[in-house]
Amino acid sequence: MSGRQKLKPEKVRRYANLAKIELSIAEEESLSNELSTILDYFRVLVELDTTGVEPTLTLAVERNEDLREDEPVKCDPEDILALAPSRKGRFVRSPGIL
């Protein structure tokens, strides 16, 4: 894995801030090293010659015969709303996000 570029702790700090994660200086340094190693593996994958290699499909796509057709089912909205832990009228209540 030649040409290793270390992910700078400043970048880790920025990503942590975007994810609303608080990290100590030691955690930033540790994550910087760990993420750099992971990115190095991706660089190796990008360099692989895949000429002539057929794309693979997931088992679900290959075994399409096992899939059933979706069929709409009628249901009473009140039955669904009854499952909600909290509601106001015909709306489900949830904690505020922002």
N, C-alpha and C. Protein backbone atom coordinates (compact mmCIF):
# COMPACT_ATOMS: atom_id res chain seq x y z
N MET A 1 0.84 -1.18 0.00
CA MET A 1 0.00 0.00 0.00
C MET A 1 0.87 1.24 0.00
N SER A 2 1.47 1.48 -1.11
CA SER A 2 2.37 2.62 -1.20
C SER A 2 1.57 3.91 -1.39
N GLY A 3 2.23 5.02 -1.13
CA GLY A 3 1.59 6.32 -1.32
C GLY A 3 0.54 6.62 -0.26
N ARG A 4 0.79 6.12 0.93
CA ARG A 4 -0.18 6.31 2.01
C ARG A 4 -0.31 7.79 2.36
N GLN A 5 -1.54 8.25 2.39
CA GLN A 5 -1.83 9.61 2.82
C GLN A 5 -2.65 9.53 4.09
N LYS A 6 -2.13 10.12 5.14
CA LYS A 6 -2.84 10.08 6.41
C LYS A 6 -3.95 11.12 6.41
N LEU A 7 -5.10 10.69 6.87
CA LEU A 7 -6.22 11.60 7.03
C LEU A 7 -5.90 12.51 8.21
N LYS A 8 -5.90 13.80 7.98
CA LYS A 8 -5.52 14.75 9.02
C LYS A 8 -6.58 14.81 10.12
N PRO A 9 -6.12 14.96 11.36
CA PRO A 9 -7.08 15.08 12.48
C PRO A 9 -8.09 16.21 12.28
N GLU A 10 -7.71 17.26 11.56
CA GLU A 10 -8.65 18.36 11.31
C GLU A 10 -9.85 17.87 10.51
N LYS A 11 -9.59 16.97 9.55
CA LYS A 11 -10.69 16.41 8.75
C LYS A 11 -11.58 15.54 9.63
N VAL A 12 -10.95 14.73 10.48
CA VAL A 12 -11.71 13.88 11.40
C VAL A 12 -12.58 14.76 12.30
N ARG A 13 -12.02 15.85 12.78
CA ARG A 13 -12.77 16.78 13.63
C ARG A 13 -13.96 17.35 12.87
N ARG A 14 -13.75 17.71 11.61
CA ARG A 14 -14.83 18.26 10.79
C ARG A 14 -15.94 17.23 10.59
N TYR A 15 -15.55 15.99 10.26
CA TYR A 15 -16.55 14.94 10.04
C TYR A 15 -17.29 14.64 11.35
N ALA A 16 -16.58 14.62 12.45
CA ALA A 16 -17.21 14.37 13.74
C ALA A 16 -18.20 15.48 14.06
N ASN A 17 -17.83 16.72 13.75
CA ASN A 17 -18.73 17.85 13.98
C ASN A 17 -19.99 17.71 13.13
N LEU A 18 -19.83 17.31 11.87
CA LEU A 18 -20.99 17.12 11.00
C LEU A 18 -21.90 16.01 11.52
N ALA A 19 -21.29 14.99 12.12
CA ALA A 19 -22.06 13.86 12.67
C ALA A 19 -22.52 14.12 14.10
N LYS A 20 -22.20 15.30 14.62
CA LYS A 20 -22.57 15.68 15.99
C LYS A 20 -21.97 14.71 17.01
N ILE A 21 -20.70 14.35 16.79
CA ILE A 21 -19.98 13.46 17.69
C ILE A 21 -18.85 14.24 18.34
N GLU A 22 -18.75 14.14 19.64
CA GLU A 22 -17.66 14.81 20.35
C GLU A 22 -16.51 13.82 20.51
N LEU A 23 -15.32 14.25 20.11
CA LEU A 23 -14.13 13.41 20.21
C LEU A 23 -13.04 14.13 20.99
N SER A 24 -12.29 13.36 21.76
CA SER A 24 -11.12 13.92 22.43
C SER A 24 -9.99 14.01 21.40
N ILE A 25 -8.93 14.72 21.75
CA ILE A 25 -7.77 14.83 20.86
C ILE A 25 -7.20 13.44 20.58
N ALA A 26 -7.14 12.60 21.60
CA ALA A 26 -6.61 11.24 21.43
C ALA A 26 -7.50 10.43 20.48
N GLU A 27 -8.81 10.59 20.60
CA GLU A 27 -9.74 9.88 19.71
C GLU A 27 -9.61 10.37 18.27
N GLU A 28 -9.42 11.68 18.10
CA GLU A 28 -9.23 12.22 16.75
C GLU A 28 -7.98 11.61 16.11
N GLU A 29 -6.89 11.53 16.86
CA GLU A 29 -5.66 10.97 16.33
C GLU A 29 -5.82 9.50 16.01
N SER A 30 -6.48 8.76 16.91
CA SER A 30 -6.70 7.33 16.70
C SER A 30 -7.57 7.09 15.47
N LEU A 31 -8.67 7.84 15.36
CA LEU A 31 -9.55 7.70 14.20
C LEU A 31 -8.85 8.12 12.91
N SER A 32 -8.00 9.11 13.00
CA SER A 32 -7.24 9.55 11.84
C SER A 32 -6.41 8.39 11.29
N ASN A 33 -5.75 7.66 12.19
CA ASN A 33 -4.94 6.51 11.77
C ASN A 33 -5.81 5.38 11.23
N GLU A 34 -6.88 5.06 11.94
CA GLU A 34 -7.74 3.96 11.53
C GLU A 34 -8.42 4.24 10.19
N LEU A 35 -8.95 5.44 10.03
CA LEU A 35 -9.61 5.78 8.77
C LEU A 35 -8.61 5.84 7.61
N SER A 36 -7.39 6.28 7.89
CA SER A 36 -6.35 6.29 6.86
C SER A 36 -6.07 4.88 6.37
N THR A 37 -6.02 3.93 7.27
CA THR A 37 -5.79 2.53 6.90
C THR A 37 -6.94 2.01 6.05
N ILE A 38 -8.17 2.32 6.42
CA ILE A 38 -9.33 1.88 5.66
C ILE A 38 -9.30 2.48 4.26
N LEU A 39 -8.98 3.76 4.16
CA LEU A 39 -8.92 4.42 2.85
C LEU A 39 -7.82 3.83 1.99
N ASP A 40 -6.71 3.39 2.61
CA ASP A 40 -5.64 2.74 1.86
C ASP A 40 -6.16 1.46 1.19
N TYR A 41 -6.98 0.70 1.89
CA TYR A 41 -7.55 -0.52 1.30
C TYR A 41 -8.43 -0.18 0.10
N PHE A 42 -9.18 0.90 0.18
CA PHE A 42 -9.99 1.31 -0.96
C PHE A 42 -9.12 1.72 -2.14
N ARG A 43 -7.99 2.36 -1.86
CA ARG A 43 -7.07 2.74 -2.94
C ARG A 43 -6.55 1.50 -3.67
N VAL A 44 -6.29 0.43 -2.92
CA VAL A 44 -5.84 -0.82 -3.53
C VAL A 44 -6.95 -1.38 -4.42
N LEU A 45 -8.19 -1.34 -3.96
CA LEU A 45 -9.30 -1.85 -4.75
C LEU A 45 -9.49 -1.06 -6.04
N VAL A 46 -9.31 0.25 -5.97
CA VAL A 46 -9.48 1.09 -7.15
C VAL A 46 -8.43 0.74 -8.22
N GLU A 47 -7.24 0.33 -7.78
CA GLU A 47 -6.16 0.02 -8.71
C GLU A 47 -6.28 -1.36 -9.36
N LEU A 48 -7.19 -2.21 -8.88
CA LEU A 48 -7.33 -3.55 -9.43
C LEU A 48 -7.82 -3.50 -10.87
N ASP A 49 -7.26 -4.37 -11.69
CA ASP A 49 -7.69 -4.48 -13.08
C ASP A 49 -8.85 -5.45 -13.14
N THR A 50 -10.02 -4.96 -13.45
CA THR A 50 -11.22 -5.80 -13.50
C THR A 50 -11.68 -6.03 -14.94
N THR A 51 -10.78 -5.83 -15.89
CA THR A 51 -11.10 -6.06 -17.29
C THR A 51 -11.51 -7.52 -17.48
N GLY A 52 -12.63 -7.74 -18.10
CA GLY A 52 -13.10 -9.09 -18.35
C GLY A 52 -13.82 -9.74 -17.19
N VAL A 53 -13.92 -9.06 -16.07
CA VAL A 53 -14.63 -9.63 -14.92
C VAL A 53 -16.09 -9.20 -15.02
N GLU A 54 -16.97 -10.20 -15.04
CA GLU A 54 -18.40 -9.91 -15.13
C GLU A 54 -18.91 -9.36 -13.80
N PRO A 55 -19.78 -8.38 -13.86
CA PRO A 55 -20.37 -7.87 -12.62
C PRO A 55 -21.17 -8.98 -11.93
N THR A 56 -21.18 -8.96 -10.62
CA THR A 56 -21.95 -9.95 -9.88
C THR A 56 -23.25 -9.33 -9.40
N LEU A 57 -24.21 -10.18 -9.17
CA LEU A 57 -25.51 -9.73 -8.69
C LEU A 57 -25.75 -10.30 -7.31
N THR A 58 -26.63 -9.67 -6.58
CA THR A 58 -26.96 -10.22 -5.27
C THR A 58 -27.83 -11.45 -5.45
N LEU A 59 -27.85 -12.27 -4.45
CA LEU A 59 -28.63 -13.50 -4.50
C LEU A 59 -30.10 -13.21 -4.75
N ALA A 60 -30.62 -12.13 -4.18
CA ALA A 60 -32.03 -11.79 -4.34
C ALA A 60 -32.35 -11.52 -5.80
N VAL A 61 -31.43 -10.91 -6.54
CA VAL A 61 -31.67 -10.61 -7.95
C VAL A 61 -31.52 -11.87 -8.78
N GLU A 62 -30.53 -12.69 -8.46
CA GLU A 62 -30.29 -13.91 -9.22
C GLU A 62 -31.42 -14.92 -9.04
N ARG A 63 -31.98 -14.98 -7.86
CA ARG A 63 -33.02 -15.95 -7.56
C ARG A 63 -34.38 -15.27 -7.56
N ASN A 64 -34.66 -14.58 -8.63
CA ASN A 64 -35.89 -13.80 -8.76
C ASN A 64 -37.14 -14.66 -8.58
N GLU A 65 -37.02 -15.96 -8.84
CA GLU A 65 -38.20 -16.81 -8.74
C GLU A 65 -38.71 -16.93 -7.30
N ASP A 66 -37.86 -16.61 -6.32
CA ASP A 66 -38.28 -16.70 -4.93
C ASP A 66 -39.06 -15.47 -4.46
N LEU A 67 -39.07 -14.43 -5.28
CA LEU A 67 -39.74 -13.20 -4.87
C LEU A 67 -41.21 -13.26 -5.23
N ARG A 68 -42.04 -12.73 -4.38
CA ARG A 68 -43.47 -12.70 -4.64
C ARG A 68 -43.86 -11.33 -5.17
N GLU A 69 -44.96 -11.27 -5.83
CA GLU A 69 -45.49 -9.99 -6.29
C GLU A 69 -46.07 -9.25 -5.09
N ASP A 70 -45.86 -7.95 -5.04
CA ASP A 70 -46.47 -7.15 -3.99
C ASP A 70 -47.95 -6.98 -4.31
N GLU A 71 -48.75 -7.15 -3.30
CA GLU A 71 -50.18 -6.96 -3.48
C GLU A 71 -50.67 -5.95 -2.45
N PRO A 72 -51.41 -4.93 -2.89
CA PRO A 72 -51.92 -3.95 -1.93
C PRO A 72 -52.91 -4.61 -0.97
N VAL A 73 -52.86 -4.17 0.27
CA VAL A 73 -53.75 -4.70 1.29
C VAL A 73 -54.52 -3.53 1.88
N LYS A 74 -55.83 -3.68 1.94
CA LYS A 74 -56.64 -2.62 2.54
C LYS A 74 -56.58 -2.75 4.06
N CYS A 75 -56.45 -1.60 4.70
CA CYS A 75 -56.43 -1.60 6.16
C CYS A 75 -57.09 -0.33 6.67
N ASP A 76 -57.52 -0.41 7.88
CA ASP A 76 -58.18 0.73 8.51
C ASP A 76 -57.10 1.65 9.11
N PRO A 77 -57.02 2.92 8.73
CA PRO A 77 -56.01 3.83 9.28
C PRO A 77 -56.05 3.88 10.81
N GLU A 78 -57.21 3.71 11.40
CA GLU A 78 -57.30 3.73 12.87
C GLU A 78 -56.52 2.57 13.49
N ASP A 79 -56.51 1.42 12.81
CA ASP A 79 -55.75 0.27 13.31
C ASP A 79 -54.25 0.58 13.33
N ILE A 80 -53.80 1.29 12.30
CA ILE A 80 -52.38 1.65 12.22
C ILE A 80 -52.06 2.71 13.27
N LEU A 81 -52.90 3.73 13.39
CA LEU A 81 -52.67 4.79 14.37
C LEU A 81 -52.72 4.26 15.80
N ALA A 82 -53.45 3.21 16.02
CA ALA A 82 -53.53 2.62 17.35
C ALA A 82 -52.18 2.04 17.78
N LEU A 83 -51.32 1.73 16.83
CA LEU A 83 -49.99 1.18 17.13
C LEU A 83 -48.99 2.27 17.54
N ALA A 84 -49.31 3.52 17.26
CA ALA A 84 -48.39 4.62 17.57
C ALA A 84 -48.32 4.83 19.08
N PRO A 85 -47.11 5.05 19.62
CA PRO A 85 -46.99 5.27 21.06
C PRO A 85 -47.65 6.57 21.51
N SER A 86 -47.72 7.56 20.62
CA SER A 86 -48.34 8.83 20.96
C SER A 86 -48.94 9.42 19.70
N ARG A 87 -50.11 9.97 19.82
CA ARG A 87 -50.76 10.59 18.66
C ARG A 87 -51.60 11.77 19.07
N LYS A 88 -51.89 12.60 18.09
CA LYS A 88 -52.76 13.76 18.30
C LYS A 88 -53.74 13.75 17.14
N GLY A 89 -54.97 13.37 17.42
CA GLY A 89 -55.96 13.26 16.36
C GLY A 89 -55.57 12.15 15.41
N ARG A 90 -55.48 12.49 14.12
CA ARG A 90 -55.10 11.47 13.14
C ARG A 90 -53.61 11.53 12.79
N PHE A 91 -52.80 12.17 13.65
CA PHE A 91 -51.37 12.30 13.42
C PHE A 91 -50.56 11.57 14.49
N VAL A 92 -49.43 11.03 14.10
CA VAL A 92 -48.52 10.40 15.04
C VAL A 92 -47.64 11.49 15.60
N ARG A 93 -47.48 11.52 16.93
CA ARG A 93 -46.61 12.51 17.58
C ARG A 93 -45.24 11.91 17.77
N SER A 94 -44.24 12.74 17.57
CA SER A 94 -42.85 12.30 17.80
C SER A 94 -42.08 13.44 18.45
N PRO A 95 -40.94 13.11 19.08
CA PRO A 95 -40.13 14.18 19.67
C PRO A 95 -39.63 15.13 18.59
N GLY A 96 -39.41 16.38 18.99
CA GLY A 96 -38.87 17.36 18.06
C GLY A 96 -37.47 16.96 17.59
N ILE A 97 -37.16 17.24 16.37
CA ILE A 97 -35.86 16.85 15.80
C ILE A 97 -34.87 18.00 15.89
N LEU A 98 -35.30 19.21 15.63
CA LEU A 98 -34.37 20.34 15.65
C LEU A 98 -34.47 21.11 16.93
